[in-house]
Amino acid sequence: MPASEPIEVTAPDLPGRTSASQLWSDVSFVHWRVDSATVAPLLPEGTRPDEYDGSSWVGLIGFGLSRATLFGSPPIPFFGDFAEINVRLYAVDGRGRRGVVFVTLEAARLAAVLGARAAFSLPYNWARTSLTNDGGSYRYASRRRAGATTFVVRPDAAPVVADPLADFLTARWALFVRSRGHTMYLRNTHESWRLMKASLESIDDSLVAAMGFPGVTDRAPDSVLFSPGVSTRFGGVSRL
């Protein structure tokens, strides 16, 4: 059965001041079903695993991040332009609000890593990341001592239409993060994803395993999607 509540496919209004903005390009979403009992200990207090079709999900997401701003600044050159790879989970709070929980965000710009950790307590880690396009196949790579991943995704021309699972995995307008002993809630907004069906051509991964999911990437993913990208804005942080 699907998620217990309908998914908001269109982003709700973002009240208040924009705290940050970013352009996300060439985004690949690779997802596997996982047991909720594995996910629950990794979630911030006050949230629980969000399920679809009786499963929790872990995502390996790769994209190019550019035109980053922070608290009204102009786009930050160099340090605001890098490939990012993240491992993420899906949670819901006691009020029924859905959000992403990042287990790790891998980025090549140390200043961006330190800034995101300081401003939002996000678990960014400094890694050697890259994104290349070879004949229509997108290769994402990240490497640091704690774990590495390289995966290649090839989108096809078929658009994703009326797919509730795709909505569940991508239409996420908030994140939860643990900060200074409290669970915080951070809203975001962007245009609706233009999603395409895609295939995972190859993967060599130890990062997902290192983040608490050993063996998951040894099996075929349960969902692979691609989007050309979106421009996103983040609002203020509030306590759960």
C-alpha atoms as a PDB file:
ATOM      1  CA  MET A   1       0.000   0.000   0.000  1.00  0.00           C
ATOM      2  CA  PRO A   2       1.193   3.582  -0.581  1.00  0.00           C
ATOM      3  CA  ALA A   3       2.172   6.189   1.975  1.00  0.00           C
ATOM      4  CA  SER A   4      -0.501   6.835   4.588  1.00  0.00           C
ATOM      5  CA  GLU A   5      -1.120  10.456   3.545  1.00  0.00           C
ATOM      6  CA  PRO A   6      -1.196  12.083   0.087  1.00  0.00           C
ATOM      7  CA  ILE A   7       2.099  13.550  -1.117  1.00  0.00           C
ATOM      8  CA  GLU A   8       2.267  17.287  -1.817  1.00  0.00           C
ATOM      9  CA  VAL A   9       3.655  17.259  -5.353  1.00  0.00           C
ATOM     10  CA  THR A  10       3.731  21.065  -5.580  1.00  0.00           C
ATOM     11  CA  ALA A  11       5.789  22.912  -2.999  1.00  0.00           C
ATOM     12  CA  PRO A  12       3.831  24.894  -0.419  1.00  0.00           C
ATOM     13  CA  ASP A  13       4.617  28.584   0.054  1.00  0.00           C
ATOM     14  CA  LEU A  14       7.855  29.320   1.883  1.00  0.00           C
ATOM     15  CA  PRO A  15       7.121  31.944   4.545  1.00  0.00           C
ATOM     16  CA  GLY A  16       9.693  34.368   5.836  1.00  0.00           C
ATOM     17  CA  ARG A  17      13.200  35.145   4.717  1.00  0.00           C
ATOM     18  CA  THR A  18      15.236  32.941   2.387  1.00  0.00           C
ATOM     19  CA  SER A  19      18.238  31.609   4.294  1.00  0.00           C
ATOM     20  CA  ALA A  20      19.968  29.965   1.316  1.00  0.00           C
ATOM     21  CA  SER A  21      19.441  29.163  -2.345  1.00  0.00           C
ATOM     22  CA  GLN A  22      21.068  26.719  -4.759  1.00  0.00           C
ATOM     23  CA  LEU A  23      20.803  25.392  -8.304  1.00  0.00           C
ATOM     24  CA  TRP A  24      20.769  21.596  -8.465  1.00  0.00           C
ATOM     25  CA  SER A  25      21.668  20.175 -11.898  1.00  0.00           C
ATOM     26  CA  ASP A  26      21.834  16.690 -13.453  1.00  0.00           C
ATOM     27  CA  VAL A  27      20.233  15.032 -10.443  1.00  0.00           C
ATOM     28  CA  SER A  28      20.167  11.236 -10.146  1.00  0.00           C
ATOM     29  CA  PHE A  29      18.063   9.478  -7.512  1.00  0.00           C
ATOM     30  CA  VAL A  30      18.963   5.838  -6.811  1.00  0.00           C
ATOM     31  CA  HIS A  31      16.836   4.160  -4.129  1.00  0.00           C
ATOM     32  CA  TRP A  32      16.568   0.842  -2.343  1.00  0.00           C
ATOM     33  CA  ARG A  33      13.924  -0.557  -0.035  1.00  0.00           C
ATOM     34  CA  VAL A  34      15.170  -1.051   3.532  1.00  0.00           C
ATOM     35  CA  ASP A  35      13.623  -2.230   6.773  1.00  0.00           C
ATOM     36  CA  SER A  36      12.215   0.510   8.986  1.00  0.00           C
ATOM     37  CA  ALA A  37      13.920  -1.063  11.986  1.00  0.00           C
ATOM     38  CA  THR A  38      17.265  -0.235  10.340  1.00  0.00           C
ATOM     39  CA  VAL A  39      16.235   3.342   9.582  1.00  0.00           C
ATOM     40  CA  ALA A  40      14.627   4.293  12.910  1.00  0.00           C
ATOM     41  CA  PRO A  41      17.834   4.549  15.021  1.00  0.00           C
ATOM     42  CA  LEU A  42      19.338   6.977  12.497  1.00  0.00           C
ATOM     43  CA  LEU A  43      16.465   9.482  12.653  1.00  0.00           C
ATOM     44  CA  PRO A  44      16.299  12.591  14.861  1.00  0.00           C
ATOM     45  CA  GLU A  45      14.222  12.437  18.021  1.00  0.00           C
ATOM     46  CA  GLY A  46      10.549  13.183  17.381  1.00  0.00           C
ATOM     47  CA  THR A  47      10.489  11.627  13.909  1.00  0.00           C
ATOM     48  CA  ARG A  48       9.770   8.126  12.648  1.00  0.00           C
ATOM     49  CA  PRO A  49      10.433   6.309   9.365  1.00  0.00           C
ATOM     50  CA  ASP A  50       8.184   7.394   6.516  1.00  0.00           C
ATOM     51  CA  GLU A  51       7.076   4.329   4.570  1.00  0.00           C
ATOM     52  CA  TYR A  52       5.810   3.609   1.090  1.00  0.00           C
ATOM     53  CA  ASP A  53       4.491   0.203   0.068  1.00  0.00           C
ATOM     54  CA  GLY A  54       5.402  -1.164   3.512  1.00  0.00           C
ATOM     55  CA  SER A  55       9.068  -0.150   3.264  1.00  0.00           C
ATOM     56  CA  SER A  56      11.444   2.542   4.312  1.00  0.00           C
ATOM     57  CA  TRP A  57      13.828   3.758   1.625  1.00  0.00           C
ATOM     58  CA  VAL A  58      17.469   4.802   1.463  1.00  0.00           C
ATOM     59  CA  GLY A  59      18.578   7.073  -1.363  1.00  0.00           C
ATOM     60  CA  LEU A  60      21.961   7.646  -2.984  1.00  0.00           C
ATOM     61  CA  ILE A  61      21.649  11.015  -4.692  1.00  0.00           C
ATOM     62  CA  GLY A  62      24.170  12.746  -6.965  1.00  0.00           C
ATOM     63  CA  PHE A  63      24.028  16.185  -8.589  1.00  0.00           C
ATOM     64  CA  GLY A  64      25.891  19.347  -9.441  1.00  0.00           C
ATOM     65  CA  LEU A  65      25.390  22.228  -7.005  1.00  0.00           C
ATOM     66  CA  SER A  66      25.983  25.785  -8.196  1.00  0.00           C
ATOM     67  CA  ARG A  67      24.938  29.414  -7.703  1.00  0.00           C
ATOM     68  CA  ALA A  68      24.823  28.913  -3.935  1.00  0.00           C
ATOM     69  CA  THR A  69      23.828  31.901  -1.803  1.00  0.00           C
ATOM     70  CA  LEU A  70      23.662  32.265   1.966  1.00  0.00           C
ATOM     71  CA  PHE A  71      21.519  34.770   3.900  1.00  0.00           C
ATOM     72  CA  GLY A  72      21.017  37.066   0.924  1.00  0.00           C
ATOM     73  CA  SER A  73      24.559  36.992  -0.444  1.00  0.00           C
ATOM     74  CA  PRO A  74      25.228  37.014  -4.195  1.00  0.00           C
ATOM     75  CA  PRO A  75      26.139  33.613  -5.706  1.00  0.00           C
ATOM     76  CA  ILE A  76      29.368  32.442  -4.111  1.00  0.00           C
ATOM     77  CA  PRO A  77      32.059  31.808  -6.762  1.00  0.00           C
ATOM     78  CA  PHE A  78      34.081  28.552  -6.681  1.00  0.00           C
ATOM     79  CA  PHE A  79      33.140  27.526  -3.124  1.00  0.00           C
ATOM     80  CA  GLY A  80      29.452  27.494  -4.095  1.00  0.00           C
ATOM     81  CA  ASP A  81      29.983  25.266  -7.132  1.00  0.00           C
ATOM     82  CA  PHE A  82      30.711  21.543  -6.694  1.00  0.00           C
ATOM     83  CA  ALA A  83      29.434  18.004  -7.152  1.00  0.00           C
ATOM     84  CA  GLU A  84      27.487  16.654  -4.196  1.00  0.00           C
ATOM     85  CA  ILE A  85      26.632  13.071  -3.324  1.00  0.00           C
ATOM     86  CA  ASN A  86      24.392  12.348  -0.367  1.00  0.00           C
ATOM     87  CA  VAL A  87      22.830   9.404   1.407  1.00  0.00           C
ATOM     88  CA  ARG A  88      19.373  10.194   2.706  1.00  0.00           C
ATOM     89  CA  LEU A  89      16.379   8.729   4.503  1.00  0.00           C
ATOM     90  CA  TYR A  90      12.719   9.728   4.808  1.00  0.00           C
ATOM     91  CA  ALA A  91      10.944  10.668   8.020  1.00  0.00           C
ATOM     92  CA  VAL A  92       7.669  12.066   9.297  1.00  0.00           C
ATOM     93  CA  ASP A  93       7.069  13.933  12.551  1.00  0.00           C
ATOM     94  CA  GLY A  94       4.194  13.789  15.017  1.00  0.00           C
ATOM     95  CA  ARG A  95       2.266  16.425  13.052  1.00  0.00           C
ATOM     96  CA  GLY A  96       2.459  14.399   9.861  1.00  0.00           C
ATOM     97  CA  ARG A  97       5.057  16.641   8.224  1.00  0.00           C
ATOM     98  CA  ARG A  98       7.322  14.784   5.829  1.00  0.00           C
ATOM     99  CA  GLY A  99      11.003  15.479   5.344  1.00  0.00           C
ATOM    100  CA  VAL A 100      14.431  14.228   4.379  1.00  0.00           C
ATOM    101  CA  VAL A 101      17.039  13.112   6.895  1.00  0.00           C
ATOM    102  CA  PHE A 102      20.586  13.229   5.571  1.00  0.00           C
ATOM    103  CA  VAL A 103      22.973  10.577   6.830  1.00  0.00           C
ATOM    104  CA  THR A 104      25.855  12.238   4.992  1.00  0.00           C
ATOM    105  CA  LEU A 105      26.411  14.905   2.360  1.00  0.00           C
ATOM    106  CA  GLU A 106      29.711  14.588   0.493  1.00  0.00           C
ATOM    107  CA  ALA A 107      31.190  17.760  -1.018  1.00  0.00           C
ATOM    108  CA  ALA A 108      34.554  18.846  -2.393  1.00  0.00           C
ATOM    109  CA  ARG A 109      34.596  22.433  -1.076  1.00  0.00           C
ATOM    110  CA  LEU A 110      35.828  22.613   2.516  1.00  0.00           C
ATOM    111  CA  ALA A 111      34.430  26.126   3.007  1.00  0.00           C
ATOM    112  CA  ALA A 112      30.966  24.944   1.943  1.00  0.00           C
ATOM    113  CA  VAL A 113      31.219  21.951   4.273  1.00  0.00           C
ATOM    114  CA  LEU A 114      32.151  24.116   7.244  1.00  0.00           C
ATOM    115  CA  GLY A 115      29.537  26.754   6.403  1.00  0.00           C
ATOM    116  CA  ALA A 116      26.671  24.248   6.109  1.00  0.00           C
ATOM    117  CA  ARG A 117      27.684  22.550   9.333  1.00  0.00           C
ATOM    118  CA  ALA A 118      27.831  25.879  11.177  1.00  0.00           C
ATOM    119  CA  ALA A 119      24.656  27.405   9.727  1.00  0.00           C
ATOM    120  CA  PHE A 120      22.344  24.370   9.636  1.00  0.00           C
ATOM    121  CA  SER A 121      24.129  21.531  11.530  1.00  0.00           C
ATOM    122  CA  LEU A 122      23.942  19.409   8.381  1.00  0.00           C
ATOM    123  CA  PRO A 123      26.254  16.351   8.296  1.00  0.00           C
ATOM    124  CA  TYR A 124      28.419  17.577   5.405  1.00  0.00           C
ATOM    125  CA  ASN A 125      31.759  15.837   4.921  1.00  0.00           C
ATOM    126  CA  TRP A 126      34.771  16.931   2.920  1.00  0.00           C
ATOM    127  CA  ALA A 127      35.402  14.445   0.124  1.00  0.00           C
ATOM    128  CA  ARG A 128      36.786  14.262  -3.394  1.00  0.00           C
ATOM    129  CA  THR A 129      33.610  14.493  -5.450  1.00  0.00           C
ATOM    130  CA  SER A 130      33.041  14.712  -9.195  1.00  0.00           C
ATOM    131  CA  LEU A 131      30.306  14.629 -11.810  1.00  0.00           C
ATOM    132  CA  THR A 132      30.944  13.936 -15.497  1.00  0.00           C
ATOM    133  CA  ASN A 133      28.715  13.323 -18.510  1.00  0.00           C
ATOM    134  CA  ASP A 134      29.983  10.781 -21.032  1.00  0.00           C
ATOM    135  CA  GLY A 135      27.675  10.381 -24.010  1.00  0.00           C
ATOM    136  CA  GLY A 136      24.541  10.829 -21.954  1.00  0.00           C
ATOM    137  CA  SER A 137      25.638   8.680 -18.999  1.00  0.00           C
ATOM    138  CA  TYR A 138      26.252  10.592 -15.766  1.00  0.00           C
ATOM    139  CA  ARG A 139      29.112   9.433 -13.543  1.00  0.00           C
ATOM    140  CA  TYR A 140      29.077  10.504  -9.884  1.00  0.00           C
ATOM    141  CA  ALA A 141      32.015   9.818  -7.587  1.00  0.00           C
ATOM    142  CA  SER A 142      32.981  10.565  -3.998  1.00  0.00           C
ATOM    143  CA  ARG A 143      35.915   9.351  -1.970  1.00  0.00           C
ATOM    144  CA  ARG A 144      37.074   9.853   1.595  1.00  0.00           C
ATOM    145  CA  ARG A 145      38.505   7.603   4.270  1.00  0.00           C
ATOM    146  CA  ALA A 146      35.118   6.696   5.770  1.00  0.00           C
ATOM    147  CA  GLY A 147      33.635   5.469   2.485  1.00  0.00           C
ATOM    148  CA  ALA A 148      33.545   5.892  -1.271  1.00  0.00           C
ATOM    149  CA  THR A 149      31.064   5.561  -4.080  1.00  0.00           C
ATOM    150  CA  THR A 150      31.097   5.675  -7.863  1.00  0.00           C
ATOM    151  CA  PHE A 151      27.887   5.165  -9.800  1.00  0.00           C
ATOM    152  CA  VAL A 152      26.767   5.753 -13.380  1.00  0.00           C
ATOM    153  CA  VAL A 153      23.182   6.592 -14.290  1.00  0.00           C
ATOM    154  CA  ARG A 154      21.735   6.819 -17.775  1.00  0.00           C
ATOM    155  CA  PRO A 155      18.402   8.633 -18.227  1.00  0.00           C
ATOM    156  CA  ASP A 156      16.076   7.741 -21.053  1.00  0.00           C
ATOM    157  CA  ALA A 157      13.650  10.009 -22.841  1.00  0.00           C
ATOM    158  CA  ALA A 158      10.551   8.669 -21.121  1.00  0.00           C
ATOM    159  CA  PRO A 159       9.093  11.169 -18.648  1.00  0.00           C
ATOM    160  CA  VAL A 160       7.729  10.003 -15.323  1.00  0.00           C
ATOM    161  CA  VAL A 161       3.979  10.625 -15.220  1.00  0.00           C
ATOM    162  CA  ALA A 162       1.577   9.955 -12.334  1.00  0.00           C
ATOM    163  CA  ASP A 163       4.035   7.842 -10.334  1.00  0.00           C
ATOM    164  CA  PRO A 164       3.197   7.924  -6.600  1.00  0.00           C
ATOM    165  CA  LEU A 165       6.509   6.316  -5.613  1.00  0.00           C
ATOM    166  CA  ALA A 166       8.483   8.936  -7.544  1.00  0.00           C
ATOM    167  CA  ASP A 167       6.474  11.633  -5.773  1.00  0.00           C
ATOM    168  CA  PHE A 168       7.165  10.033  -2.391  1.00  0.00           C
ATOM    169  CA  LEU A 169      10.918   9.930  -3.027  1.00  0.00           C
ATOM    170  CA  THR A 170      11.398  13.358  -4.597  1.00  0.00           C
ATOM    171  CA  ALA A 171       8.571  15.723  -3.553  1.00  0.00           C
ATOM    172  CA  ARG A 172      10.135  16.605  -0.204  1.00  0.00           C
ATOM    173  CA  TRP A 173       9.736  20.156   1.028  1.00  0.00           C
ATOM    174  CA  ALA A 174      11.623  19.992   4.323  1.00  0.00           C
ATOM    175  CA  LEU A 175      14.430  18.311   6.193  1.00  0.00           C
ATOM    176  CA  PHE A 176      14.936  17.236   9.784  1.00  0.00           C
ATOM    177  CA  VAL A 177      18.294  17.600  11.494  1.00  0.00           C
ATOM    178  CA  ARG A 178      19.574  17.167  15.057  1.00  0.00           C
ATOM    179  CA  SER A 179      21.270  20.304  16.368  1.00  0.00           C
ATOM    180  CA  ARG A 180      22.501  21.125  19.881  1.00  0.00           C
ATOM    181  CA  GLY A 181      20.246  18.580  21.508  1.00  0.00           C
ATOM    182  CA  HIS A 182      17.113  19.510  19.549  1.00  0.00           C
ATOM    183  CA  THR A 183      15.439  18.293  16.375  1.00  0.00           C
ATOM    184  CA  MET A 184      15.183  21.131  13.881  1.00  0.00           C
ATOM    185  CA  TYR A 185      12.868  21.527  10.884  1.00  0.00           C
ATOM    186  CA  LEU A 186      14.038  23.366   7.756  1.00  0.00           C
ATOM    187  CA  ARG A 187      11.647  24.117   4.902  1.00  0.00           C
ATOM    188  CA  ASN A 188      12.542  24.435   1.228  1.00  0.00           C
ATOM    189  CA  THR A 189      10.775  25.128  -2.048  1.00  0.00           C
ATOM    190  CA  HIS A 190      11.430  24.714  -5.761  1.00  0.00           C
ATOM    191  CA  GLU A 191       9.578  24.097  -8.991  1.00  0.00           C
ATOM    192  CA  SER A 192       8.184  20.604  -9.524  1.00  0.00           C
ATOM    193  CA  TRP A 193      10.744  18.031 -10.605  1.00  0.00           C
ATOM    194  CA  ARG A 194      10.913  17.146 -14.304  1.00  0.00           C
ATOM    195  CA  LEU A 195      11.621  13.460 -13.820  1.00  0.00           C
ATOM    196  CA  MET A 196      12.765  10.862 -16.313  1.00  0.00           C
ATOM    197  CA  LYS A 197      13.081   7.138 -16.018  1.00  0.00           C
ATOM    198  CA  ALA A 198      16.699   6.013 -15.773  1.00  0.00           C
ATOM    199  CA  SER A 199      18.897   2.968 -15.331  1.00  0.00           C
ATOM    200  CA  LEU A 200      21.872   2.310 -13.070  1.00  0.00           C
ATOM    201  CA  GLU A 201      24.651   1.218 -15.414  1.00  0.00           C
ATOM    202  CA  SER A 202      27.232   0.498 -12.713  1.00  0.00           C
ATOM    203  CA  ILE A 203      27.990   1.067  -9.040  1.00  0.00           C
ATOM    204  CA  ASP A 204      31.024   0.541  -6.826  1.00  0.00           C
ATOM    205  CA  ASP A 205      30.006   1.573  -3.344  1.00  0.00           C
ATOM    206  CA  SER A 206      31.168   1.410   0.251  1.00  0.00           C
ATOM    207  CA  LEU A 207      29.623   4.720   1.358  1.00  0.00           C
ATOM    208  CA  VAL A 208      26.050   3.493   1.804  1.00  0.00           C
ATOM    209  CA  ALA A 209      27.341   0.507   3.768  1.00  0.00           C
ATOM    210  CA  ALA A 210      29.464   2.761   5.970  1.00  0.00           C
ATOM    211  CA  MET A 211      26.399   4.893   6.729  1.00  0.00           C
ATOM    212  CA  GLY A 212      24.589   1.908   8.254  1.00  0.00           C
ATOM    213  CA  PHE A 213      23.277  -0.108   5.296  1.00  0.00           C
ATOM    214  CA  PRO A 214      25.706  -2.942   4.528  1.00  0.00           C
ATOM    215  CA  GLY A 215      24.894  -5.044   1.486  1.00  0.00           C
ATOM    216  CA  VAL A 216      22.153  -2.745   0.178  1.00  0.00           C
ATOM    217  CA  THR A 217      24.025  -1.582  -2.907  1.00  0.00           C
ATOM    218  CA  ASP A 218      24.964  -5.179  -3.780  1.00  0.00           C
ATOM    219  CA  ARG A 219      21.432  -5.661  -5.095  1.00  0.00           C
ATOM    220  CA  ALA A 220      19.599  -3.902  -7.888  1.00  0.00           C
ATOM    221  CA  PRO A 221      17.936  -0.615  -6.897  1.00  0.00           C
ATOM    222  CA  ASP A 222      14.172  -0.434  -6.585  1.00  0.00           C
ATOM    223  CA  SER A 223      13.932   3.003  -8.206  1.00  0.00           C
ATOM    224  CA  VAL A 224      16.216   5.021 -10.480  1.00  0.00           C
ATOM    225  CA  LEU A 225      15.203   8.523 -11.589  1.00  0.00           C
ATOM    226  CA  PHE A 226      16.874  11.496 -13.242  1.00  0.00           C
ATOM    227  CA  SER A 227      16.067  15.198 -13.473  1.00  0.00           C
ATOM    228  CA  PRO A 228      17.781  18.053 -15.331  1.00  0.00           C
ATOM    229  CA  GLY A 229      17.448  19.984 -12.086  1.00  0.00           C
ATOM    230  CA  VAL A 230      15.699  22.717 -10.114  1.00  0.00           C
ATOM    231  CA  SER A 231      16.457  26.030  -8.390  1.00  0.00           C
ATOM    232  CA  THR A 232      15.729  25.743  -4.700  1.00  0.00           C
ATOM    233  CA  ARG A 233      15.332  28.093  -1.725  1.00  0.00           C
ATOM    234  CA  PHE A 234      15.496  27.339   1.984  1.00  0.00           C
ATOM    235  CA  GLY A 235      13.635  29.131   4.744  1.00  0.00           C
ATOM    236  CA  GLY A 236      14.382  29.534   8.418  1.00  0.00           C
ATOM    237  CA  VAL A 237      15.079  26.770  10.911  1.00  0.00           C
ATOM    238  CA  SER A 238      12.557  26.023  13.651  1.00  0.00           C
ATOM    239  CA  ARG A 239      12.533  23.577  16.554  1.00  0.00           C
ATOM    240  CA  LEU A 240      10.340  20.523  16.191  1.00  0.00           C
END
